[in-house]
Amino acid sequence: MKLSDELPVDHQLGNVYRYGAAFCGLVLLVFGCLGFADALSSFDTDGKIAGLSTNTALSVISVVVGLALIAGGVVGGNFASTLNIAIGALFLLSGFYHLFTLDKGANFLHFGMTNVVFSFVMGLIIMTFGMYGRVSSRLPHDNPYWRSRHPRQAAEEARALRRSLNEAAAKAVAPAAGPLPRKLT
């Protein structure tokens, strides 16, 4: 089974994945472009944008990830959802890595605490957009992810629905009981 088989192309959840990826990608793209406009060197530590430290290396990473998210938003569907989850997880890992390397030589992007918090928050937002309607203990039964995880029960519910629709259609078409009216002459 492919990922694209799990979710119909026109399903409403696709819009959440698409717009979430595009929005977060746009935020990162703007941050990266503002970093380039500051004209810093690759690993300079003097740049600040909206309280976040920045340099050319961080700007390149932000632009590349932003463009990837925007591309995921253009593609949409399961691809955007999976991309959001993966990039969100990378943001969280980056936040943890830079949290433990603050004020150390291994902090090669020169993250400050505001950057770490931004990385955690952005990672959670991106992951939320990716997991929306896909990961929960109480998904509705018409959700395609629930149906793919519970194929037998989904098939039984579909058969019961078809049976009740057929019965309702049969009642609507059946002639009324009683004698046929006589033709008046």
N, C-alpha and C. Protein backbone atom coordinates (compact mmCIF):
# COMPACT_ATOMS: atom_id res chain seq x y z
N MET A 1 0.85 -1.17 0.00
CA MET A 1 0.00 0.00 0.00
C MET A 1 0.89 1.24 0.00
N LYS A 2 0.57 2.18 -0.87
CA LYS A 2 1.30 3.44 -0.92
C LYS A 2 0.66 4.43 0.04
N LEU A 3 1.43 5.44 0.43
CA LEU A 3 0.85 6.48 1.29
C LEU A 3 -0.31 7.17 0.60
N SER A 4 -0.21 7.38 -0.71
CA SER A 4 -1.26 8.08 -1.42
C SER A 4 -2.55 7.28 -1.49
N ASP A 5 -2.50 5.96 -1.29
CA ASP A 5 -3.70 5.13 -1.29
C ASP A 5 -4.52 5.31 -0.02
N GLU A 6 -3.89 5.82 1.02
CA GLU A 6 -4.53 5.89 2.32
C GLU A 6 -5.51 7.07 2.43
N LEU A 7 -5.27 8.12 1.68
CA LEU A 7 -6.08 9.33 1.81
C LEU A 7 -6.58 9.75 0.44
N PRO A 8 -7.87 9.92 0.28
CA PRO A 8 -8.39 10.38 -1.01
C PRO A 8 -7.81 11.75 -1.37
N VAL A 9 -7.66 11.98 -2.66
CA VAL A 9 -7.04 13.22 -3.13
C VAL A 9 -7.84 14.44 -2.69
N ASP A 10 -9.16 14.34 -2.71
CA ASP A 10 -9.99 15.51 -2.41
C ASP A 10 -10.46 15.54 -0.95
N HIS A 11 -9.82 14.80 -0.07
CA HIS A 11 -10.25 14.78 1.33
C HIS A 11 -9.95 16.11 1.99
N GLN A 12 -10.81 16.52 2.92
CA GLN A 12 -10.69 17.82 3.60
C GLN A 12 -9.39 17.96 4.37
N LEU A 13 -8.84 16.86 4.89
CA LEU A 13 -7.60 16.95 5.65
C LEU A 13 -6.44 17.43 4.80
N GLY A 14 -6.49 17.18 3.51
CA GLY A 14 -5.44 17.62 2.60
C GLY A 14 -5.23 19.13 2.66
N ASN A 15 -6.31 19.88 2.88
CA ASN A 15 -6.18 21.34 2.98
C ASN A 15 -5.41 21.75 4.22
N VAL A 16 -5.62 21.05 5.33
CA VAL A 16 -4.88 21.36 6.56
C VAL A 16 -3.39 21.14 6.34
N TYR A 17 -3.04 19.99 5.73
CA TYR A 17 -1.63 19.70 5.48
C TYR A 17 -1.03 20.71 4.51
N ARG A 18 -1.77 21.03 3.48
CA ARG A 18 -1.29 21.94 2.44
C ARG A 18 -1.06 23.35 2.98
N TYR A 19 -2.08 23.91 3.61
CA TYR A 19 -1.95 25.30 4.09
C TYR A 19 -1.01 25.40 5.28
N GLY A 20 -0.96 24.38 6.12
CA GLY A 20 -0.03 24.39 7.24
C GLY A 20 1.41 24.39 6.77
N ALA A 21 1.71 23.54 5.78
CA ALA A 21 3.06 23.48 5.23
C ALA A 21 3.42 24.80 4.56
N ALA A 22 2.50 25.35 3.79
CA ALA A 22 2.78 26.60 3.08
C ALA A 22 2.97 27.76 4.06
N PHE A 23 2.15 27.82 5.10
CA PHE A 23 2.28 28.91 6.08
C PHE A 23 3.63 28.85 6.81
N CYS A 24 3.96 27.69 7.32
CA CYS A 24 5.24 27.55 8.05
C CYS A 24 6.42 27.76 7.11
N GLY A 25 6.31 27.28 5.87
CA GLY A 25 7.36 27.51 4.90
C GLY A 25 7.55 28.97 4.60
N LEU A 26 6.44 29.70 4.51
CA LEU A 26 6.53 31.14 4.25
C LEU A 26 7.20 31.88 5.41
N VAL A 27 6.89 31.50 6.64
CA VAL A 27 7.52 32.12 7.81
C VAL A 27 9.03 31.89 7.78
N LEU A 28 9.44 30.66 7.49
CA LEU A 28 10.87 30.35 7.43
C LEU A 28 11.55 31.04 6.26
N LEU A 29 10.86 31.14 5.15
CA LEU A 29 11.42 31.82 3.97
C LEU A 29 11.65 33.30 4.26
N VAL A 30 10.70 33.94 4.90
CA VAL A 30 10.85 35.36 5.26
C VAL A 30 12.01 35.53 6.23
N PHE A 31 12.10 34.66 7.24
CA PHE A 31 13.20 34.75 8.21
C PHE A 31 14.54 34.59 7.50
N GLY A 32 14.64 33.62 6.60
CA GLY A 32 15.88 33.41 5.87
C GLY A 32 16.25 34.57 4.98
N CYS A 33 15.27 35.12 4.29
CA CYS A 33 15.53 36.27 3.41
C CYS A 33 15.95 37.50 4.21
N LEU A 34 15.34 37.71 5.36
CA LEU A 34 15.76 38.83 6.22
C LEU A 34 17.18 38.62 6.72
N GLY A 35 17.57 37.39 6.96
CA GLY A 35 18.94 37.08 7.36
C GLY A 35 19.92 37.41 6.25
N PHE A 36 19.54 37.11 4.99
CA PHE A 36 20.39 37.46 3.86
C PHE A 36 20.49 38.97 3.70
N ALA A 37 19.39 39.67 3.96
CA ALA A 37 19.39 41.12 3.82
C ALA A 37 20.31 41.77 4.83
N ASP A 38 20.55 41.09 5.95
CA ASP A 38 21.46 41.62 6.98
C ASP A 38 22.92 41.51 6.54
N ALA A 39 23.20 40.75 5.48
CA ALA A 39 24.53 40.59 4.88
C ALA A 39 25.61 40.22 5.89
N LEU A 40 25.37 39.17 6.64
CA LEU A 40 26.34 38.69 7.62
C LEU A 40 27.25 37.65 6.98
N SER A 41 28.34 37.36 7.62
CA SER A 41 29.19 36.28 7.14
C SER A 41 28.58 34.94 7.57
N SER A 42 29.15 33.85 7.06
CA SER A 42 28.53 32.53 7.23
C SER A 42 28.23 32.15 8.67
N PHE A 43 29.16 32.34 9.57
CA PHE A 43 28.92 31.93 10.96
C PHE A 43 29.08 33.11 11.92
N ASP A 44 28.71 34.29 11.47
CA ASP A 44 28.78 35.50 12.30
C ASP A 44 27.77 35.38 13.44
N THR A 45 28.04 36.02 14.54
CA THR A 45 27.15 35.91 15.70
C THR A 45 26.44 37.22 16.03
N ASP A 46 26.60 38.23 15.18
CA ASP A 46 26.04 39.54 15.50
C ASP A 46 24.63 39.76 14.99
N GLY A 47 24.14 38.95 14.09
CA GLY A 47 22.84 39.19 13.48
C GLY A 47 21.68 38.88 14.40
N LYS A 48 20.68 39.75 14.36
CA LYS A 48 19.45 39.55 15.13
C LYS A 48 18.27 39.92 14.26
N ILE A 49 17.30 39.02 14.19
CA ILE A 49 16.05 39.29 13.49
C ILE A 49 14.92 38.84 14.40
N ALA A 50 14.06 39.79 14.76
CA ALA A 50 12.92 39.50 15.64
C ALA A 50 13.36 38.81 16.92
N GLY A 51 14.51 39.19 17.44
CA GLY A 51 15.02 38.64 18.69
C GLY A 51 15.76 37.32 18.54
N LEU A 52 15.83 36.80 17.32
CA LEU A 52 16.53 35.54 17.07
C LEU A 52 17.89 35.83 16.46
N SER A 53 18.90 35.12 16.95
CA SER A 53 20.22 35.29 16.35
C SER A 53 20.22 34.61 14.99
N THR A 54 20.94 35.20 14.03
CA THR A 54 20.97 34.65 12.69
C THR A 54 22.33 34.88 12.06
N ASN A 55 22.61 34.11 11.04
CA ASN A 55 23.80 34.27 10.22
C ASN A 55 23.47 33.69 8.85
N THR A 56 24.41 33.79 7.93
CA THR A 56 24.13 33.33 6.57
C THR A 56 23.85 31.83 6.53
N ALA A 57 24.56 31.04 7.30
CA ALA A 57 24.32 29.59 7.31
C ALA A 57 22.90 29.27 7.77
N LEU A 58 22.45 29.94 8.82
CA LEU A 58 21.09 29.72 9.31
C LEU A 58 20.07 30.22 8.29
N SER A 59 20.41 31.32 7.60
CA SER A 59 19.51 31.83 6.56
C SER A 59 19.37 30.84 5.41
N VAL A 60 20.47 30.22 5.01
CA VAL A 60 20.41 29.22 3.94
C VAL A 60 19.54 28.05 4.36
N ILE A 61 19.75 27.57 5.56
CA ILE A 61 18.95 26.44 6.07
C ILE A 61 17.47 26.84 6.12
N SER A 62 17.18 28.04 6.60
CA SER A 62 15.79 28.50 6.70
C SER A 62 15.13 28.60 5.33
N VAL A 63 15.85 29.13 4.36
CA VAL A 63 15.29 29.26 3.01
C VAL A 63 15.06 27.88 2.38
N VAL A 64 16.02 26.98 2.51
CA VAL A 64 15.87 25.64 1.93
C VAL A 64 14.69 24.90 2.57
N VAL A 65 14.60 24.93 3.88
CA VAL A 65 13.50 24.25 4.56
C VAL A 65 12.18 24.94 4.25
N GLY A 66 12.18 26.26 4.19
CA GLY A 66 10.96 27.00 3.83
C GLY A 66 10.47 26.64 2.44
N LEU A 67 11.40 26.57 1.48
CA LEU A 67 11.02 26.19 0.11
C LEU A 67 10.53 24.75 0.05
N ALA A 68 11.14 23.87 0.85
CA ALA A 68 10.68 22.48 0.89
C ALA A 68 9.25 22.39 1.42
N LEU A 69 8.95 23.17 2.46
CA LEU A 69 7.59 23.16 3.01
C LEU A 69 6.59 23.76 2.02
N ILE A 70 7.00 24.81 1.34
CA ILE A 70 6.11 25.41 0.34
C ILE A 70 5.86 24.41 -0.79
N ALA A 71 6.91 23.70 -1.22
CA ALA A 71 6.74 22.67 -2.25
C ALA A 71 5.80 21.57 -1.74
N GLY A 72 5.93 21.19 -0.47
CA GLY A 72 5.01 20.22 0.11
C GLY A 72 3.58 20.73 0.12
N GLY A 73 3.43 22.03 0.36
CA GLY A 73 2.10 22.62 0.31
C GLY A 73 1.51 22.61 -1.09
N VAL A 74 2.35 22.77 -2.09
CA VAL A 74 1.89 22.72 -3.48
C VAL A 74 1.45 21.29 -3.83
N VAL A 75 2.25 20.30 -3.44
CA VAL A 75 1.92 18.90 -3.72
C VAL A 75 0.69 18.49 -2.92
N GLY A 76 0.67 18.83 -1.62
CA GLY A 76 -0.48 18.55 -0.75
C GLY A 76 -0.61 17.08 -0.38
N GLY A 77 -1.77 16.74 0.16
CA GLY A 77 -2.11 15.36 0.51
C GLY A 77 -1.18 14.73 1.53
N ASN A 78 -1.00 13.43 1.39
CA ASN A 78 -0.16 12.69 2.32
C ASN A 78 1.28 13.13 2.26
N PHE A 79 1.74 13.56 1.08
CA PHE A 79 3.12 14.02 0.98
C PHE A 79 3.36 15.22 1.91
N ALA A 80 2.44 16.19 1.89
CA ALA A 80 2.57 17.36 2.77
C ALA A 80 2.49 16.95 4.23
N SER A 81 1.61 16.03 4.55
CA SER A 81 1.48 15.56 5.93
C SER A 81 2.76 14.91 6.42
N THR A 82 3.30 14.00 5.61
CA THR A 82 4.53 13.30 6.00
C THR A 82 5.71 14.26 6.07
N LEU A 83 5.78 15.19 5.12
CA LEU A 83 6.85 16.19 5.14
C LEU A 83 6.76 17.05 6.39
N ASN A 84 5.55 17.48 6.75
CA ASN A 84 5.37 18.27 7.96
C ASN A 84 5.84 17.52 9.20
N ILE A 85 5.49 16.25 9.28
CA ILE A 85 5.89 15.45 10.45
C ILE A 85 7.41 15.33 10.50
N ALA A 86 8.03 15.04 9.36
CA ALA A 86 9.49 14.86 9.33
C ALA A 86 10.22 16.16 9.65
N ILE A 87 9.82 17.26 9.04
CA ILE A 87 10.50 18.52 9.29
C ILE A 87 10.23 19.00 10.71
N GLY A 88 9.02 18.80 11.21
CA GLY A 88 8.73 19.16 12.60
C GLY A 88 9.61 18.39 13.56
N ALA A 89 9.80 17.11 13.30
CA ALA A 89 10.68 16.29 14.15
C ALA A 89 12.12 16.79 14.08
N LEU A 90 12.57 17.19 12.89
CA LEU A 90 13.93 17.74 12.76
C LEU A 90 14.09 19.05 13.54
N PHE A 91 13.06 19.86 13.53
CA PHE A 91 13.10 21.10 14.32
C PHE A 91 13.22 20.78 15.82
N LEU A 92 12.45 19.79 16.27
CA LEU A 92 12.53 19.41 17.69
C LEU A 92 13.92 18.88 18.03
N LEU A 93 14.47 18.03 17.16
CA LEU A 93 15.82 17.52 17.39
C LEU A 93 16.85 18.64 17.39
N SER A 94 16.68 19.59 16.48
CA SER A 94 17.58 20.74 16.44
C SER A 94 17.48 21.55 17.73
N GLY A 95 16.26 21.72 18.22
CA GLY A 95 16.08 22.44 19.48
C GLY A 95 16.78 21.75 20.64
N PHE A 96 16.64 20.43 20.72
CA PHE A 96 17.33 19.69 21.79
C PHE A 96 18.85 19.77 21.63
N TYR A 97 19.32 19.60 20.39
CA TYR A 97 20.77 19.66 20.16
C TYR A 97 21.33 21.01 20.58
N HIS A 98 20.67 22.08 20.14
CA HIS A 98 21.18 23.42 20.47
C HIS A 98 20.95 23.78 21.94
N LEU A 99 19.96 23.20 22.57
CA LEU A 99 19.77 23.43 24.00
C LEU A 99 20.95 22.89 24.79
N PHE A 100 21.41 21.71 24.39
CA PHE A 100 22.52 21.10 25.12
C PHE A 100 23.88 21.66 24.71
N THR A 101 23.94 22.39 23.61
CA THR A 101 25.22 22.95 23.17
C THR A 101 25.30 24.47 23.31
N LEU A 102 24.34 25.06 24.00
CA LEU A 102 24.41 26.52 24.22
C LEU A 102 25.74 26.87 24.87
N ASP A 103 26.37 27.94 24.39
CA ASP A 103 27.65 28.43 24.91
C ASP A 103 28.77 27.40 24.83
N LYS A 104 28.70 26.53 23.82
CA LYS A 104 29.77 25.55 23.59
C LYS A 104 30.21 25.66 22.14
N GLY A 105 31.35 25.10 21.82
CA GLY A 105 31.86 25.15 20.46
C GLY A 105 31.02 24.37 19.46
N ALA A 106 30.26 23.38 19.93
CA ALA A 106 29.43 22.56 19.05
C ALA A 106 28.19 23.32 18.56
N ASN A 107 27.93 24.47 19.10
CA ASN A 107 26.79 25.30 18.69
C ASN A 107 27.22 26.10 17.46
N PHE A 108 27.37 25.41 16.33
CA PHE A 108 27.94 26.01 15.13
C PHE A 108 27.04 27.05 14.48
N LEU A 109 25.75 27.02 14.74
CA LEU A 109 24.85 28.05 14.20
C LEU A 109 24.67 29.21 15.17
N HIS A 110 25.32 29.13 16.33
CA HIS A 110 25.27 30.17 17.37
C HIS A 110 23.84 30.48 17.79
N PHE A 111 23.11 29.43 18.08
CA PHE A 111 21.75 29.58 18.59
C PHE A 111 21.81 30.22 19.97
N GLY A 112 20.86 31.09 20.23
CA GLY A 112 20.62 31.59 21.58
C GLY A 112 19.39 30.87 22.12
N MET A 113 19.04 31.18 23.34
CA MET A 113 17.87 30.52 23.95
C MET A 113 16.59 30.84 23.18
N THR A 114 16.48 32.05 22.63
CA THR A 114 15.28 32.38 21.84
C THR A 114 15.19 31.51 20.59
N ASN A 115 16.34 31.21 19.98
CA ASN A 115 16.34 30.32 18.82
C ASN A 115 15.90 28.91 19.21
N VAL A 116 16.34 28.45 20.37
CA VAL A 116 15.95 27.12 20.84
C VAL A 116 14.44 27.07 21.05
N VAL A 117 13.89 28.08 21.70
CA VAL A 117 12.45 28.12 21.95
C VAL A 117 11.70 28.19 20.61
N PHE A 118 12.20 29.02 19.68
CA PHE A 118 11.59 29.11 18.36
C PHE A 118 11.62 27.76 17.66
N SER A 119 12.72 27.05 17.77
CA SER A 119 12.85 25.74 17.13
C SER A 119 11.83 24.75 17.70
N PHE A 120 11.66 24.75 19.03
CA PHE A 120 10.67 23.87 19.66
C PHE A 120 9.25 24.25 19.22
N VAL A 121 8.93 25.54 19.28
CA VAL A 121 7.57 25.99 18.94
C VAL A 121 7.27 25.72 17.47
N MET A 122 8.18 26.09 16.59
CA MET A 122 7.96 25.87 15.15
C MET A 122 7.86 24.38 14.85
N GLY A 123 8.69 23.58 15.49
CA GLY A 123 8.63 22.13 15.29
C GLY A 123 7.30 21.56 15.71
N LEU A 124 6.78 22.00 16.84
CA LEU A 124 5.48 21.51 17.31
C LEU A 124 4.34 21.97 16.39
N ILE A 125 4.43 23.21 15.91
CA ILE A 125 3.40 23.71 15.00
C ILE A 125 3.41 22.91 13.70
N ILE A 126 4.58 22.72 13.13
CA ILE A 126 4.68 21.98 11.87
C ILE A 126 4.22 20.54 12.05
N MET A 127 4.63 19.90 13.14
CA MET A 127 4.19 18.51 13.39
C MET A 127 2.69 18.43 13.61
N THR A 128 2.12 19.43 14.28
CA THR A 128 0.68 19.43 14.50
C THR A 128 -0.07 19.51 13.18
N PHE A 129 0.41 20.37 12.28
CA PHE A 129 -0.21 20.44 10.95
C PHE A 129 -0.09 19.09 10.24
N GLY A 130 1.01 18.40 10.41
CA GLY A 130 1.20 17.12 9.74
C GLY A 130 0.39 15.98 10.34
N MET A 131 0.20 16.02 11.64
CA MET A 131 -0.49 14.93 12.33
C MET A 131 -1.99 15.16 12.48
N TYR A 132 -2.46 16.34 12.13
CA TYR A 132 -3.87 16.68 12.33
C TYR A 132 -4.77 15.68 11.60
N GLY A 133 -5.67 15.08 12.31
CA GLY A 133 -6.61 14.13 11.74
C GLY A 133 -5.98 12.80 11.35
N ARG A 134 -4.73 12.62 11.67
CA ARG A 134 -4.03 11.40 11.27
C ARG A 134 -3.62 10.58 12.49
N VAL A 135 -3.36 11.24 13.60
CA VAL A 135 -2.87 10.57 14.80
C VAL A 135 -3.76 10.98 15.96
N SER A 136 -4.56 10.05 16.43
CA SER A 136 -5.43 10.30 17.57
C SER A 136 -6.03 8.97 17.99
N SER A 137 -6.45 8.92 19.22
CA SER A 137 -7.10 7.69 19.68
C SER A 137 -8.58 7.69 19.35
N ARG A 138 -9.13 8.82 18.99
CA ARG A 138 -10.57 8.91 18.73
C ARG A 138 -10.86 9.54 17.38
N LEU A 139 -10.33 8.97 16.34
CA LEU A 139 -10.62 9.44 15.00
C LEU A 139 -12.05 9.04 14.64
N PRO A 140 -12.78 9.89 13.91
CA PRO A 140 -14.12 9.50 13.49
C PRO A 140 -14.04 8.34 12.49
N HIS A 141 -15.09 7.58 12.40
CA HIS A 141 -15.08 6.37 11.59
C HIS A 141 -15.06 6.66 10.09
N ASP A 142 -15.38 7.90 9.69
CA ASP A 142 -15.30 8.22 8.26
C ASP A 142 -13.92 8.74 7.88
N ASN A 143 -13.01 8.84 8.85
CA ASN A 143 -11.65 9.29 8.59
C ASN A 143 -10.89 8.20 7.83
N PRO A 144 -10.21 8.55 6.74
CA PRO A 144 -9.51 7.52 5.97
C PRO A 144 -8.40 6.82 6.75
N TYR A 145 -7.80 7.50 7.71
CA TYR A 145 -6.76 6.86 8.52
C TYR A 145 -7.37 5.83 9.46
N TRP A 146 -8.55 6.13 10.01
CA TRP A 146 -9.23 5.16 10.86
C TRP A 146 -9.61 3.94 10.03
N ARG A 147 -10.15 4.17 8.82
CA ARG A 147 -10.56 3.05 7.97
C ARG A 147 -9.38 2.17 7.60
N SER A 148 -8.21 2.77 7.36
CA SER A 148 -7.06 1.94 6.97
C SER A 148 -6.52 1.16 8.16
N ARG A 149 -6.72 1.64 9.38
CA ARG A 149 -6.25 0.93 10.57
C ARG A 149 -7.23 -0.12 11.05
N HIS A 150 -8.50 0.00 10.66
CA HIS A 150 -9.56 -0.93 11.08
C HIS A 150 -10.32 -1.41 9.85
N PRO A 151 -9.68 -2.13 8.95
CA PRO A 151 -10.35 -2.48 7.68
C PRO A 151 -11.58 -3.37 7.84
N ARG A 152 -11.55 -4.32 8.76
CA ARG A 152 -12.72 -5.21 8.93
C ARG A 152 -13.92 -4.44 9.43
N GLN A 153 -13.72 -3.65 10.47
CA GLN A 153 -14.84 -2.90 11.04
C GLN A 153 -15.35 -1.87 10.03
N ALA A 154 -14.45 -1.25 9.27
CA ALA A 154 -14.87 -0.28 8.25
C ALA A 154 -15.70 -0.96 7.17
N ALA A 155 -15.29 -2.18 6.78
CA ALA A 155 -16.04 -2.92 5.77
C ALA A 155 -17.43 -3.30 6.29
N GLU A 156 -17.49 -3.72 7.55
CA GLU A 156 -18.79 -4.07 8.15
C GLU A 156 -19.71 -2.85 8.22
N GLU A 157 -19.16 -1.71 8.62
CA GLU A 157 -19.96 -0.49 8.69
C GLU A 157 -20.42 -0.06 7.30
N ALA A 158 -19.57 -0.21 6.30
CA ALA A 158 -19.95 0.15 4.93
C ALA A 158 -21.07 -0.76 4.43
N ARG A 159 -20.98 -2.09 4.72
CA ARG A 159 -22.04 -3.01 4.33
C ARG A 159 -23.35 -2.66 5.02
N ALA A 160 -23.30 -2.35 6.30
CA ALA A 160 -24.52 -1.99 7.04
C ALA A 160 -25.13 -0.71 6.48
N LEU A 161 -24.31 0.24 6.11
CA LEU A 161 -24.81 1.48 5.54
C LEU A 161 -25.47 1.22 4.19
N ARG A 162 -24.82 0.41 3.34
CA ARG A 162 -25.41 0.07 2.04
C ARG A 162 -26.73 -0.66 2.21
N ARG A 163 -26.78 -1.59 3.17
CA ARG A 163 -28.01 -2.34 3.42
C ARG A 163 -29.14 -1.40 3.84
N SER A 164 -28.86 -0.47 4.74
CA SER A 164 -29.92 0.45 5.20
C SER A 164 -30.33 1.40 4.08
N LEU A 165 -29.39 1.82 3.23
CA LEU A 165 -29.76 2.68 2.10
C LEU A 165 -30.61 1.92 1.08
N ASN A 166 -30.27 0.65 0.84
CA ASN A 166 -31.06 -0.17 -0.09
C ASN A 166 -32.47 -0.39 0.45
N GLU A 167 -32.61 -0.63 1.75
CA GLU A 167 -33.93 -0.82 2.36
C GLU A 167 -34.75 0.46 2.27
N ALA A 168 -34.12 1.59 2.52
CA ALA A 168 -34.83 2.87 2.44
C ALA A 168 -35.26 3.15 1.00
N ALA A 169 -34.41 2.82 0.04
CA ALA A 169 -34.77 3.03 -1.37
C ALA A 169 -35.90 2.10 -1.78
N ALA A 170 -35.87 0.86 -1.29
CA ALA A 170 -36.93 -0.10 -1.62
C ALA A 170 -38.28 0.36 -1.06
N LYS A 171 -38.28 0.91 0.13
CA LYS A 171 -39.53 1.40 0.73
C LYS A 171 -40.06 2.60 -0.04
N ALA A 172 -39.18 3.45 -0.52
CA ALA A 172 -39.61 4.64 -1.24
C ALA A 172 -40.20 4.28 -2.60
N VAL A 173 -39.71 3.23 -3.22
CA VAL A 173 -40.16 2.83 -4.55
C VAL A 173 -41.36 1.89 -4.49
N ALA A 174 -41.54 1.15 -3.41
CA ALA A 174 -42.61 0.15 -3.30
C ALA A 174 -43.98 0.83 -3.41
N PRO A 175 -44.90 0.20 -4.13
CA PRO A 175 -46.25 0.79 -4.25
C PRO A 175 -46.99 0.71 -2.91
N ALA A 176 -47.90 1.63 -2.75
CA ALA A 176 -48.69 1.64 -1.53
C ALA A 176 -49.59 0.41 -1.49
N ALA A 177 -49.78 -0.15 -0.32
CA ALA A 177 -50.62 -1.33 -0.17
C ALA A 177 -52.07 -0.94 -0.36
N GLY A 178 -52.80 -1.84 -0.92
CA GLY A 178 -54.23 -1.58 -1.10
C GLY A 178 -54.64 -1.79 -2.54
N PRO A 179 -55.95 -1.69 -2.80
CA PRO A 179 -56.44 -1.95 -4.15
C PRO A 179 -56.03 -0.84 -5.09
N LEU A 180 -55.88 -1.20 -6.37
CA LEU A 180 -55.54 -0.22 -7.38
C LEU A 180 -56.78 0.62 -7.67
N PRO A 181 -56.60 1.85 -7.95
CA PRO A 181 -57.79 2.68 -8.25
C PRO A 181 -58.43 2.24 -9.57
N ARG A 182 -59.74 2.35 -9.59
CA ARG A 182 -60.48 1.97 -10.80
C ARG A 182 -60.47 3.11 -11.76
N LYS A 183 -60.50 2.74 -13.01
CA LYS A 183 -60.50 3.73 -14.05
C LYS A 183 -61.92 4.28 -14.20
N LEU A 184 -62.04 5.58 -14.16
CA LEU A 184 -63.34 6.20 -14.32
C LEU A 184 -63.68 6.33 -15.79
N THR A 185 -64.91 6.01 -16.12
CA THR A 185 -65.33 6.12 -17.50
C THR A 185 -66.45 7.06 -17.69
